[in-house]
Amino acid sequence: MAYRDKGYFGVSCKAYNATMDRTSRNKPLTIKEKMRNKRISSKRSPGERPFAVIKRVLKSGHVIVTTIARTHVKNMASNFCYNLKQLNTIQKRALS
């Protein structure tokens, strides 16, 4: 099952196609398509949060290093920082 965003609209998929629908010129989405997009979005949202935090809070959305090994290390460091941030958030909620 491929839960994909609107950027992949119209591209074929090997798995079950769960790509969000997008409007075309002079063709708005129907209510059925809007409800389908909402269902897909609710499935995708838990997995999108780490990417949003890494990009916005940690300012690590764009990798400038050139080799695969350096990129891997940079991404591991970003993921580790995200996990520390998440742990800090969970601890603050437990105290209050």
PDB file of N, CA and C in Angstrom:
ATOM      1  N   MET A   1       0.844  -1.156   0.000  1.00  0.00           N
ATOM      2  CA  MET A   1       0.000   0.000   0.000  1.00  0.00           C
ATOM      3  C   MET A   1       0.898   1.231   0.000  1.00  0.00           C
ATOM      4  N   ALA A   2       0.670   2.130  -0.908  1.00  0.00           N
ATOM      5  CA  ALA A   2       1.493   3.324  -1.031  1.00  0.00           C
ATOM      6  C   ALA A   2       0.663   4.553  -0.695  1.00  0.00           C
ATOM      7  N   TYR A   3       0.879   5.116   0.503  1.00  0.00           N
ATOM      8  CA  TYR A   3       0.227   6.359   0.895  1.00  0.00           C
ATOM      9  C   TYR A   3       1.112   7.501   0.414  1.00  0.00           C
ATOM     10  N   ARG A   4       0.707   8.134  -0.685  1.00  0.00           N
ATOM     11  CA  ARG A   4       1.542   9.167  -1.281  1.00  0.00           C
ATOM     12  C   ARG A   4       0.792  10.496  -1.287  1.00  0.00           C
ATOM     13  N   ASP A   5       1.567  11.584  -1.317  1.00  0.00           N
ATOM     14  CA  ASP A   5       0.930  12.898  -1.323  1.00  0.00           C
ATOM     15  C   ASP A   5       0.553  13.312  -2.737  1.00  0.00           C
ATOM     16  N   LYS A   6       0.060  14.532  -2.865  1.00  0.00           N
ATOM     17  CA  LYS A   6      -0.497  15.010  -4.132  1.00  0.00           C
ATOM     18  C   LYS A   6       0.552  15.183  -5.227  1.00  0.00           C
ATOM     19  N   GLY A   7       1.822  15.214  -4.857  1.00  0.00           N
ATOM     20  CA  GLY A   7       2.878  15.364  -5.851  1.00  0.00           C
ATOM     21  C   GLY A   7       2.995  14.171  -6.785  1.00  0.00           C
ATOM     22  N   TYR A   8       2.500  13.005  -6.363  1.00  0.00           N
ATOM     23  CA  TYR A   8       2.563  11.802  -7.181  1.00  0.00           C
ATOM     24  C   TYR A   8       1.268  11.547  -7.936  1.00  0.00           C
ATOM     25  N   PHE A   9       0.384  12.532  -7.981  1.00  0.00           N
ATOM     26  CA  PHE A   9      -0.904  12.421  -8.651  1.00  0.00           C
ATOM     27  C   PHE A   9      -0.687  12.091 -10.123  1.00  0.00           C
ATOM     28  N   GLY A  10      -1.326  11.025 -10.610  1.00  0.00           N
ATOM     29  CA  GLY A  10      -1.226  10.649 -12.011  1.00  0.00           C
ATOM     30  C   GLY A  10      -0.101   9.696 -12.343  1.00  0.00           C
ATOM     31  N   VAL A  11       0.771   9.373 -11.391  1.00  0.00           N
ATOM     32  CA  VAL A  11       1.887   8.461 -11.627  1.00  0.00           C
ATOM     33  C   VAL A  11       1.448   7.059 -11.223  1.00  0.00           C
ATOM     34  N   SER A  12       1.780   6.069 -12.045  1.00  0.00           N
ATOM     35  CA  SER A  12       1.364   4.703 -11.738  1.00  0.00           C
ATOM     36  C   SER A  12       2.092   4.180 -10.501  1.00  0.00           C
ATOM     37  N   CYS A  13       1.482   3.181  -9.879  1.00  0.00           N
ATOM     38  CA  CYS A  13       1.999   2.627  -8.638  1.00  0.00           C
ATOM     39  C   CYS A  13       1.939   1.108  -8.718  1.00  0.00           C
ATOM     40  N   LYS A  14       2.980   0.419  -8.230  1.00  0.00           N
ATOM     41  CA  LYS A  14       2.995  -1.044  -8.266  1.00  0.00           C
ATOM     42  C   LYS A  14       2.126  -1.637  -7.162  1.00  0.00           C
ATOM     43  N   ALA A  15       2.033  -0.968  -6.035  1.00  0.00           N
ATOM     44  CA  ALA A  15       1.218  -1.452  -4.917  1.00  0.00           C
ATOM     45  C   ALA A  15      -0.189  -0.871  -5.035  1.00  0.00           C
ATOM     46  N   TYR A  16      -1.006  -1.101  -3.997  1.00  0.00           N
ATOM     47  CA  TYR A  16      -2.332  -0.483  -3.969  1.00  0.00           C
ATOM     48  C   TYR A  16      -2.151   1.023  -3.953  1.00  0.00           C
ATOM     49  N   ASN A  17      -2.801   1.705  -4.841  1.00  0.00           N
ATOM     50  CA  ASN A  17      -2.607   3.136  -5.015  1.00  0.00           C
ATOM     51  C   ASN A  17      -3.444   3.926  -4.009  1.00  0.00           C
ATOM     52  N   ALA A  18      -2.792   4.479  -2.999  1.00  0.00           N
ATOM     53  CA  ALA A  18      -3.458   5.331  -2.023  1.00  0.00           C
ATOM     54  C   ALA A  18      -2.894   6.745  -2.131  1.00  0.00           C
ATOM     55  N   THR A  19      -2.787   7.241  -3.350  1.00  0.00           N
ATOM     56  CA  THR A  19      -2.297   8.584  -3.594  1.00  0.00           C
ATOM     57  C   THR A  19      -3.439   9.579  -3.400  1.00  0.00           C
ATOM     58  N   MET A  20      -3.152  10.679  -2.715  1.00  0.00           N
ATOM     59  CA  MET A  20      -4.173  11.693  -2.497  1.00  0.00           C
ATOM     60  C   MET A  20      -4.576  12.317  -3.831  1.00  0.00           C
ATOM     61  N   ASP A  21      -5.852  12.643  -3.963  1.00  0.00           N
ATOM     62  CA  ASP A  21      -6.354  13.267  -5.178  1.00  0.00           C
ATOM     63  C   ASP A  21      -6.031  14.754  -5.172  1.00  0.00           C
ATOM     64  N   ARG A  22      -5.865  15.307  -6.359  1.00  0.00           N
ATOM     65  CA  ARG A  22      -5.547  16.721  -6.495  1.00  0.00           C
ATOM     66  C   ARG A  22      -6.514  17.337  -7.499  1.00  0.00           C
ATOM     67  N   THR A  23      -6.817  18.607  -7.296  1.00  0.00           N
ATOM     68  CA  THR A  23      -7.707  19.273  -8.243  1.00  0.00           C
ATOM     69  C   THR A  23      -6.958  19.591  -9.526  1.00  0.00           C
ATOM     70  N   SER A  24      -7.693  19.619 -10.611  1.00  0.00           N
ATOM     71  CA  SER A  24      -7.160  20.048 -11.893  1.00  0.00           C
ATOM     72  C   SER A  24      -7.826  21.370 -12.246  1.00  0.00           C
ATOM     73  N   ARG A  25      -7.368  21.965 -13.291  1.00  0.00           N
ATOM     74  CA  ARG A  25      -7.938  23.248 -13.698  1.00  0.00           C
ATOM     75  C   ARG A  25      -9.429  23.088 -14.012  1.00  0.00           C
ATOM     76  N   ASN A  26     -10.244  23.926 -13.402  1.00  0.00           N
ATOM     77  CA  ASN A  26     -11.701  23.939 -13.581  1.00  0.00           C
ATOM     78  C   ASN A  26     -12.363  22.609 -13.209  1.00  0.00           C
ATOM     79  N   LYS A  27     -11.757  21.845 -12.292  1.00  0.00           N
ATOM     80  CA  LYS A  27     -12.348  20.583 -11.858  1.00  0.00           C
ATOM     81  C   LYS A  27     -12.098  20.407 -10.360  1.00  0.00           C
ATOM     82  N   PRO A  28     -12.987  20.928  -9.518  1.00  0.00           N
ATOM     83  CA  PRO A  28     -12.787  20.786  -8.070  1.00  0.00           C
ATOM     84  C   PRO A  28     -13.004  19.344  -7.607  1.00  0.00           C
ATOM     85  N   LEU A  29     -12.494  19.042  -6.410  1.00  0.00           N
ATOM     86  CA  LEU A  29     -12.662  17.705  -5.853  1.00  0.00           C
ATOM     87  C   LEU A  29     -14.114  17.485  -5.430  1.00  0.00           C
ATOM     88  N   THR A  30     -14.571  16.261  -5.607  1.00  0.00           N
ATOM     89  CA  THR A  30     -15.902  15.907  -5.136  1.00  0.00           C
ATOM     90  C   THR A  30     -15.833  15.637  -3.630  1.00  0.00           C
ATOM     91  N   ILE A  31     -16.964  15.523  -2.985  1.00  0.00           N
ATOM     92  CA  ILE A  31     -16.998  15.249  -1.550  1.00  0.00           C
ATOM     93  C   ILE A  31     -16.376  13.886  -1.258  1.00  0.00           C
ATOM     94  N   LYS A  32     -16.616  12.915  -2.121  1.00  0.00           N
ATOM     95  CA  LYS A  32     -16.041  11.584  -1.952  1.00  0.00           C
ATOM     96  C   LYS A  32     -14.504  11.647  -2.003  1.00  0.00           C
ATOM     97  N   GLU A  33     -13.961  12.426  -2.939  1.00  0.00           N
ATOM     98  CA  GLU A  33     -12.506  12.571  -3.047  1.00  0.00           C
ATOM     99  C   GLU A  33     -11.932  13.306  -1.842  1.00  0.00           C
ATOM    100  N   LYS A  34     -12.646  14.309  -1.334  1.00  0.00           N
ATOM    101  CA  LYS A  34     -12.188  15.030  -0.142  1.00  0.00           C
ATOM    102  C   LYS A  34     -12.149  14.100   1.071  1.00  0.00           C
ATOM    103  N   MET A  35     -13.167  13.257   1.215  1.00  0.00           N
ATOM    104  CA  MET A  35     -13.197  12.306   2.329  1.00  0.00           C
ATOM    105  C   MET A  35     -12.072  11.278   2.196  1.00  0.00           C
ATOM    106  N   ARG A  36     -11.787  10.846   0.983  1.00  0.00           N
ATOM    107  CA  ARG A  36     -10.692   9.901   0.745  1.00  0.00           C
ATOM    108  C   ARG A  36      -9.358  10.543   1.109  1.00  0.00           C
ATOM    109  N   ASN A  37      -9.154  11.808   0.699  1.00  0.00           N
ATOM    110  CA  ASN A  37      -7.924  12.512   1.052  1.00  0.00           C
ATOM    111  C   ASN A  37      -7.771  12.634   2.560  1.00  0.00           C
ATOM    112  N   LYS A  38      -8.864  12.885   3.257  1.00  0.00           N
ATOM    113  CA  LYS A  38      -8.813  13.010   4.717  1.00  0.00           C
ATOM    114  C   LYS A  38      -8.422  11.684   5.361  1.00  0.00           C
ATOM    115  N   ARG A  39      -8.954  10.561   4.848  1.00  0.00           N
ATOM    116  CA  ARG A  39      -8.585   9.242   5.372  1.00  0.00           C
ATOM    117  C   ARG A  39      -7.100   8.960   5.143  1.00  0.00           C
ATOM    118  N   ILE A  40      -6.619   9.259   3.952  1.00  0.00           N
ATOM    119  CA  ILE A  40      -5.197   9.045   3.645  1.00  0.00           C
ATOM    120  C   ILE A  40      -4.330   9.931   4.521  1.00  0.00           C
ATOM    121  N   SER A  41      -4.738  11.175   4.697  1.00  0.00           N
ATOM    122  CA  SER A  41      -3.981  12.117   5.513  1.00  0.00           C
ATOM    123  C   SER A  41      -3.900  11.664   6.967  1.00  0.00           C
ATOM    124  N   SER A  42      -4.988  11.115   7.498  1.00  0.00           N
ATOM    125  CA  SER A  42      -4.965  10.662   8.889  1.00  0.00           C
ATOM    126  C   SER A  42      -4.035   9.463   9.063  1.00  0.00           C
ATOM    127  N   LYS A  43      -3.897   8.630   8.042  1.00  0.00           N
ATOM    128  CA  LYS A  43      -2.960   7.502   8.105  1.00  0.00           C
ATOM    129  C   LYS A  43      -1.507   7.980   8.014  1.00  0.00           C
ATOM    130  N   ARG A  44      -1.278   9.013   7.207  1.00  0.00           N
ATOM    131  CA  ARG A  44       0.078   9.498   6.969  1.00  0.00           C
ATOM    132  C   ARG A  44       0.597  10.403   8.070  1.00  0.00           C
ATOM    133  N   SER A  45      -0.273  11.082   8.799  1.00  0.00           N
ATOM    134  CA  SER A  45       0.142  12.131   9.726  1.00  0.00           C
ATOM    135  C   SER A  45       1.117  11.688  10.820  1.00  0.00           C
ATOM    136  N   PRO A  46       0.975  10.499  11.442  1.00  0.00           N
ATOM    137  CA  PRO A  46       1.961  10.129  12.461  1.00  0.00           C
ATOM    138  C   PRO A  46       3.380  10.002  11.902  1.00  0.00           C
ATOM    139  N   GLY A  47       3.515   9.560  10.667  1.00  0.00           N
ATOM    140  CA  GLY A  47       4.840   9.411  10.072  1.00  0.00           C
ATOM    141  C   GLY A  47       5.430  10.700   9.540  1.00  0.00           C
ATOM    142  N   GLU A  48       4.594  11.708   9.351  1.00  0.00           N
ATOM    143  CA  GLU A  48       5.072  12.975   8.816  1.00  0.00           C
ATOM    144  C   GLU A  48       5.621  13.890   9.908  1.00  0.00           C
ATOM    145  N   ARG A  49       5.195  13.703  11.150  1.00  0.00           N
ATOM    146  CA  ARG A  49       5.619  14.597  12.227  1.00  0.00           C
ATOM    147  C   ARG A  49       7.138  14.611  12.433  1.00  0.00           C
ATOM    148  N   PRO A  50       7.823  13.457  12.486  1.00  0.00           N
ATOM    149  CA  PRO A  50       9.276  13.518  12.659  1.00  0.00           C
ATOM    150  C   PRO A  50       9.985  14.322  11.565  1.00  0.00           C
ATOM    151  N   PHE A  51       9.524  14.188  10.321  1.00  0.00           N
ATOM    152  CA  PHE A  51      10.148  14.944   9.243  1.00  0.00           C
ATOM    153  C   PHE A  51       9.918  16.438   9.417  1.00  0.00           C
ATOM    154  N   ALA A  52       8.728  16.818   9.873  1.00  0.00           N
ATOM    155  CA  ALA A  52       8.422  18.230  10.087  1.00  0.00           C
ATOM    156  C   ALA A  52       9.277  18.816  11.207  1.00  0.00           C
ATOM    157  N   VAL A  53       9.450  18.069  12.290  1.00  0.00           N
ATOM    158  CA  VAL A  53      10.262  18.555  13.413  1.00  0.00           C
ATOM    159  C   VAL A  53      11.723  18.654  13.002  1.00  0.00           C
ATOM    160  N   ILE A  54      12.217  17.649  12.300  1.00  0.00           N
ATOM    161  CA  ILE A  54      13.617  17.673  11.863  1.00  0.00           C
ATOM    162  C   ILE A  54      13.853  18.854  10.935  1.00  0.00           C
ATOM    163  N   LYS A  55      12.887  19.144  10.087  1.00  0.00           N
ATOM    164  CA  LYS A  55      13.052  20.233   9.130  1.00  0.00           C
ATOM    165  C   LYS A  55      12.923  21.606   9.788  1.00  0.00           C
ATOM    166  N   ARG A  56      11.890  21.798  10.612  1.00  0.00           N
ATOM    167  CA  ARG A  56      11.604  23.128  11.146  1.00  0.00           C
ATOM    168  C   ARG A  56      12.341  23.444  12.436  1.00  0.00           C
ATOM    169  N   VAL A  57      12.315  22.529  13.388  1.00  0.00           N
ATOM    170  CA  VAL A  57      12.900  22.802  14.694  1.00  0.00           C
ATOM    171  C   VAL A  57      14.417  22.607  14.664  1.00  0.00           C
ATOM    172  N   LEU A  58      14.852  21.510  14.070  1.00  0.00           N
ATOM    173  CA  LEU A  58      16.284  21.200  14.059  1.00  0.00           C
ATOM    174  C   LEU A  58      17.019  21.808  12.868  1.00  0.00           C
ATOM    175  N   LYS A  59      16.302  22.429  11.958  1.00  0.00           N
ATOM    176  CA  LYS A  59      16.880  23.090  10.768  1.00  0.00           C
ATOM    177  C   LYS A  59      17.771  22.137   9.973  1.00  0.00           C
ATOM    178  N   SER A  60      17.317  20.904   9.809  1.00  0.00           N
ATOM    179  CA  SER A  60      18.118  19.903   9.125  1.00  0.00           C
ATOM    180  C   SER A  60      17.347  19.276   7.965  1.00  0.00           C
ATOM    181  N   GLY A  61      16.583  20.076   7.247  1.00  0.00           N
ATOM    182  CA  GLY A  61      15.788  19.551   6.152  1.00  0.00           C
ATOM    183  C   GLY A  61      16.581  19.371   4.872  1.00  0.00           C
ATOM    184  N   HIS A  62      17.696  20.077   4.748  1.00  0.00           N
ATOM    185  CA  HIS A  62      18.495  20.021   3.527  1.00  0.00           C
ATOM    186  C   HIS A  62      19.905  19.592   3.901  1.00  0.00           C
ATOM    187  N   VAL A  63      20.391  18.523   3.285  1.00  0.00           N
ATOM    188  CA  VAL A  63      21.722  18.005   3.589  1.00  0.00           C
ATOM    189  C   VAL A  63      22.697  18.530   2.547  1.00  0.00           C
ATOM    190  N   ILE A  64      23.771  19.144   3.001  1.00  0.00           N
ATOM    191  CA  ILE A  64      24.733  19.761   2.089  1.00  0.00           C
ATOM    192  C   ILE A  64      25.943  18.859   1.835  1.00  0.00           C
ATOM    193  N   VAL A  65      26.163  17.866   2.693  1.00  0.00           N
ATOM    194  CA  VAL A  65      27.312  16.975   2.499  1.00  0.00           C
ATOM    195  C   VAL A  65      27.145  16.171   1.214  1.00  0.00           C
ATOM    196  N   THR A  66      28.263  15.690   0.674  1.00  0.00           N
ATOM    197  CA  THR A  66      28.225  15.136  -0.675  1.00  0.00           C
ATOM    198  C   THR A  66      28.274  13.614  -0.761  1.00  0.00           C
ATOM    199  N   THR A  67      28.937  12.958   0.168  1.00  0.00           N
ATOM    200  CA  THR A  67      29.067  11.504   0.033  1.00  0.00           C
ATOM    201  C   THR A  67      27.925  10.796   0.764  1.00  0.00           C
ATOM    202  N   ILE A  68      27.683   9.557   0.382  1.00  0.00           N
ATOM    203  CA  ILE A  68      26.603   8.780   0.989  1.00  0.00           C
ATOM    204  C   ILE A  68      26.890   8.521   2.465  1.00  0.00           C
ATOM    205  N   ALA A  69      28.139   8.215   2.796  1.00  0.00           N
ATOM    206  CA  ALA A  69      28.487   7.943   4.192  1.00  0.00           C
ATOM    207  C   ALA A  69      28.258   9.172   5.075  1.00  0.00           C
ATOM    208  N   ARG A  70      28.661  10.338   4.604  1.00  0.00           N
ATOM    209  CA  ARG A  70      28.459  11.570   5.385  1.00  0.00           C
ATOM    210  C   ARG A  70      26.981  11.914   5.519  1.00  0.00           C
ATOM    211  N   THR A  71      26.239  11.680   4.449  1.00  0.00           N
ATOM    212  CA  THR A  71      24.797  11.916   4.505  1.00  0.00           C
ATOM    213  C   THR A  71      24.152  10.992   5.520  1.00  0.00           C
ATOM    214  N   HIS A  72      24.589   9.742   5.542  1.00  0.00           N
ATOM    215  CA  HIS A  72      24.059   8.776   6.498  1.00  0.00           C
ATOM    216  C   HIS A  72      24.334   9.219   7.932  1.00  0.00           C
ATOM    217  N   VAL A  73      25.546   9.665   8.206  1.00  0.00           N
ATOM    218  CA  VAL A  73      25.908  10.137   9.553  1.00  0.00           C
ATOM    219  C   VAL A  73      25.097  11.370   9.922  1.00  0.00           C
ATOM    220  N   LYS A  74      24.935  12.285   8.986  1.00  0.00           N
ATOM    221  CA  LYS A  74      24.158  13.506   9.238  1.00  0.00           C
ATOM    222  C   LYS A  74      22.700  13.167   9.556  1.00  0.00           C
ATOM    223  N   ASN A  75      22.121  12.247   8.798  1.00  0.00           N
ATOM    224  CA  ASN A  75      20.734  11.849   9.053  1.00  0.00           C
ATOM    225  C   ASN A  75      20.602  11.113  10.384  1.00  0.00           C
ATOM    226  N   MET A  76      21.579  10.281  10.729  1.00  0.00           N
ATOM    227  CA  MET A  76      21.544   9.595  12.027  1.00  0.00           C
ATOM    228  C   MET A  76      21.610  10.597  13.165  1.00  0.00           C
ATOM    229  N   ALA A  77      22.442  11.630  13.024  1.00  0.00           N
ATOM    230  CA  ALA A  77      22.542  12.657  14.060  1.00  0.00           C
ATOM    231  C   ALA A  77      21.225  13.424  14.179  1.00  0.00           C
ATOM    232  N   SER A  78      20.605  13.736  13.055  1.00  0.00           N
ATOM    233  CA  SER A  78      19.318  14.438  13.085  1.00  0.00           C
ATOM    234  C   SER A  78      18.248  13.584  13.759  1.00  0.00           C
ATOM    235  N   ASN A  79      18.227  12.298  13.451  1.00  0.00           N
ATOM    236  CA  ASN A  79      17.251  11.398  14.063  1.00  0.00           C
ATOM    237  C   ASN A  79      17.497  11.252  15.566  1.00  0.00           C
ATOM    238  N   PHE A  80      18.757  11.200  15.960  1.00  0.00           N
ATOM    239  CA  PHE A  80      19.088  11.121  17.380  1.00  0.00           C
ATOM    240  C   PHE A  80      18.627  12.379  18.105  1.00  0.00           C
ATOM    241  N   CYS A  81      18.863  13.536  17.499  1.00  0.00           N
ATOM    242  CA  CYS A  81      18.409  14.804  18.101  1.00  0.00           C
ATOM    243  C   CYS A  81      16.888  14.852  18.198  1.00  0.00           C
ATOM    244  N   TYR A  82      16.207  14.343  17.181  1.00  0.00           N
ATOM    245  CA  TYR A  82      14.745  14.292  17.237  1.00  0.00           C
ATOM    246  C   TYR A  82      14.288  13.410  18.393  1.00  0.00           C
ATOM    247  N   ASN A  83      14.929  12.259  18.572  1.00  0.00           N
ATOM    248  CA  ASN A  83      14.558  11.356  19.665  1.00  0.00           C
ATOM    249  C   ASN A  83      14.795  12.002  21.027  1.00  0.00           C
ATOM    250  N   LEU A  84      15.880  12.756  21.175  1.00  0.00           N
ATOM    251  CA  LEU A  84      16.129  13.469  22.423  1.00  0.00           C
ATOM    252  C   LEU A  84      15.071  14.536  22.664  1.00  0.00           C
ATOM    253  N   LYS A  85      14.712  15.244  21.617  1.00  0.00           N
ATOM    254  CA  LYS A  85      13.667  16.276  21.731  1.00  0.00           C
ATOM    255  C   LYS A  85      12.341  15.637  22.123  1.00  0.00           C
ATOM    256  N   GLN A  86      12.015  14.511  21.518  1.00  0.00           N
ATOM    257  CA  GLN A  86      10.774  13.804  21.825  1.00  0.00           C
ATOM    258  C   GLN A  86      10.791  13.298  23.270  1.00  0.00           C
ATOM    259  N   LEU A  87      11.921  12.781  23.721  1.00  0.00           N
ATOM    260  CA  LEU A  87      12.051  12.315  25.098  1.00  0.00           C
ATOM    261  C   LEU A  87      11.854  13.466  26.078  1.00  0.00           C
ATOM    262  N   ASN A  88      12.420  14.611  25.764  1.00  0.00           N
ATOM    263  CA  ASN A  88      12.257  15.802  26.599  1.00  0.00           C
ATOM    264  C   ASN A  88      10.788  16.211  26.671  1.00  0.00           C
ATOM    265  N   THR A  89      10.092  16.169  25.552  1.00  0.00           N
ATOM    266  CA  THR A  89       8.673  16.520  25.510  1.00  0.00           C
ATOM    267  C   THR A  89       7.851  15.546  26.349  1.00  0.00           C
ATOM    268  N   ILE A  90       8.142  14.265  26.250  1.00  0.00           N
ATOM    269  CA  ILE A  90       7.412  13.256  27.017  1.00  0.00           C
ATOM    270  C   ILE A  90       7.652  13.429  28.513  1.00  0.00           C
ATOM    271  N   GLN A  91       8.889  13.742  28.894  1.00  0.00           N
ATOM    272  CA  GLN A  91       9.188  13.953  30.310  1.00  0.00           C
ATOM    273  C   GLN A  91       8.472  15.184  30.855  1.00  0.00           C
ATOM    274  N   LYS A  92       8.396  16.251  30.066  1.00  0.00           N
ATOM    275  CA  LYS A  92       7.684  17.462  30.510  1.00  0.00           C
ATOM    276  C   LYS A  92       6.206  17.169  30.716  1.00  0.00           C
ATOM    277  N   ARG A  93       5.606  16.375  29.829  1.00  0.00           N
ATOM    278  CA  ARG A  93       4.185  16.027  29.967  1.00  0.00           C
ATOM    279  C   ARG A  93       3.958  15.162  31.204  1.00  0.00           C
ATOM    280  N   ALA A  94       4.909  14.289  31.526  1.00  0.00           N
ATOM    281  CA  ALA A  94       4.748  13.410  32.688  1.00  0.00           C
ATOM    282  C   ALA A  94       4.822  14.197  33.991  1.00  0.00           C
ATOM    283  N   LEU A  95       5.601  15.267  34.024  1.00  0.00           N
ATOM    284  CA  LEU A  95       5.743  16.071  35.226  1.00  0.00           C
ATOM    285  C   LEU A  95       4.534  16.964  35.483  1.00  0.00           C
ATOM    286  N   SER A  96       3.847  17.354  34.434  1.00  0.00           N
ATOM    287  CA  SER A  96       2.730  18.279  34.637  1.00  0.00           C
ATOM    288  C   SER A  96       1.413  17.573  34.844  1.00  0.00           C
TER     289      SER A  96
END
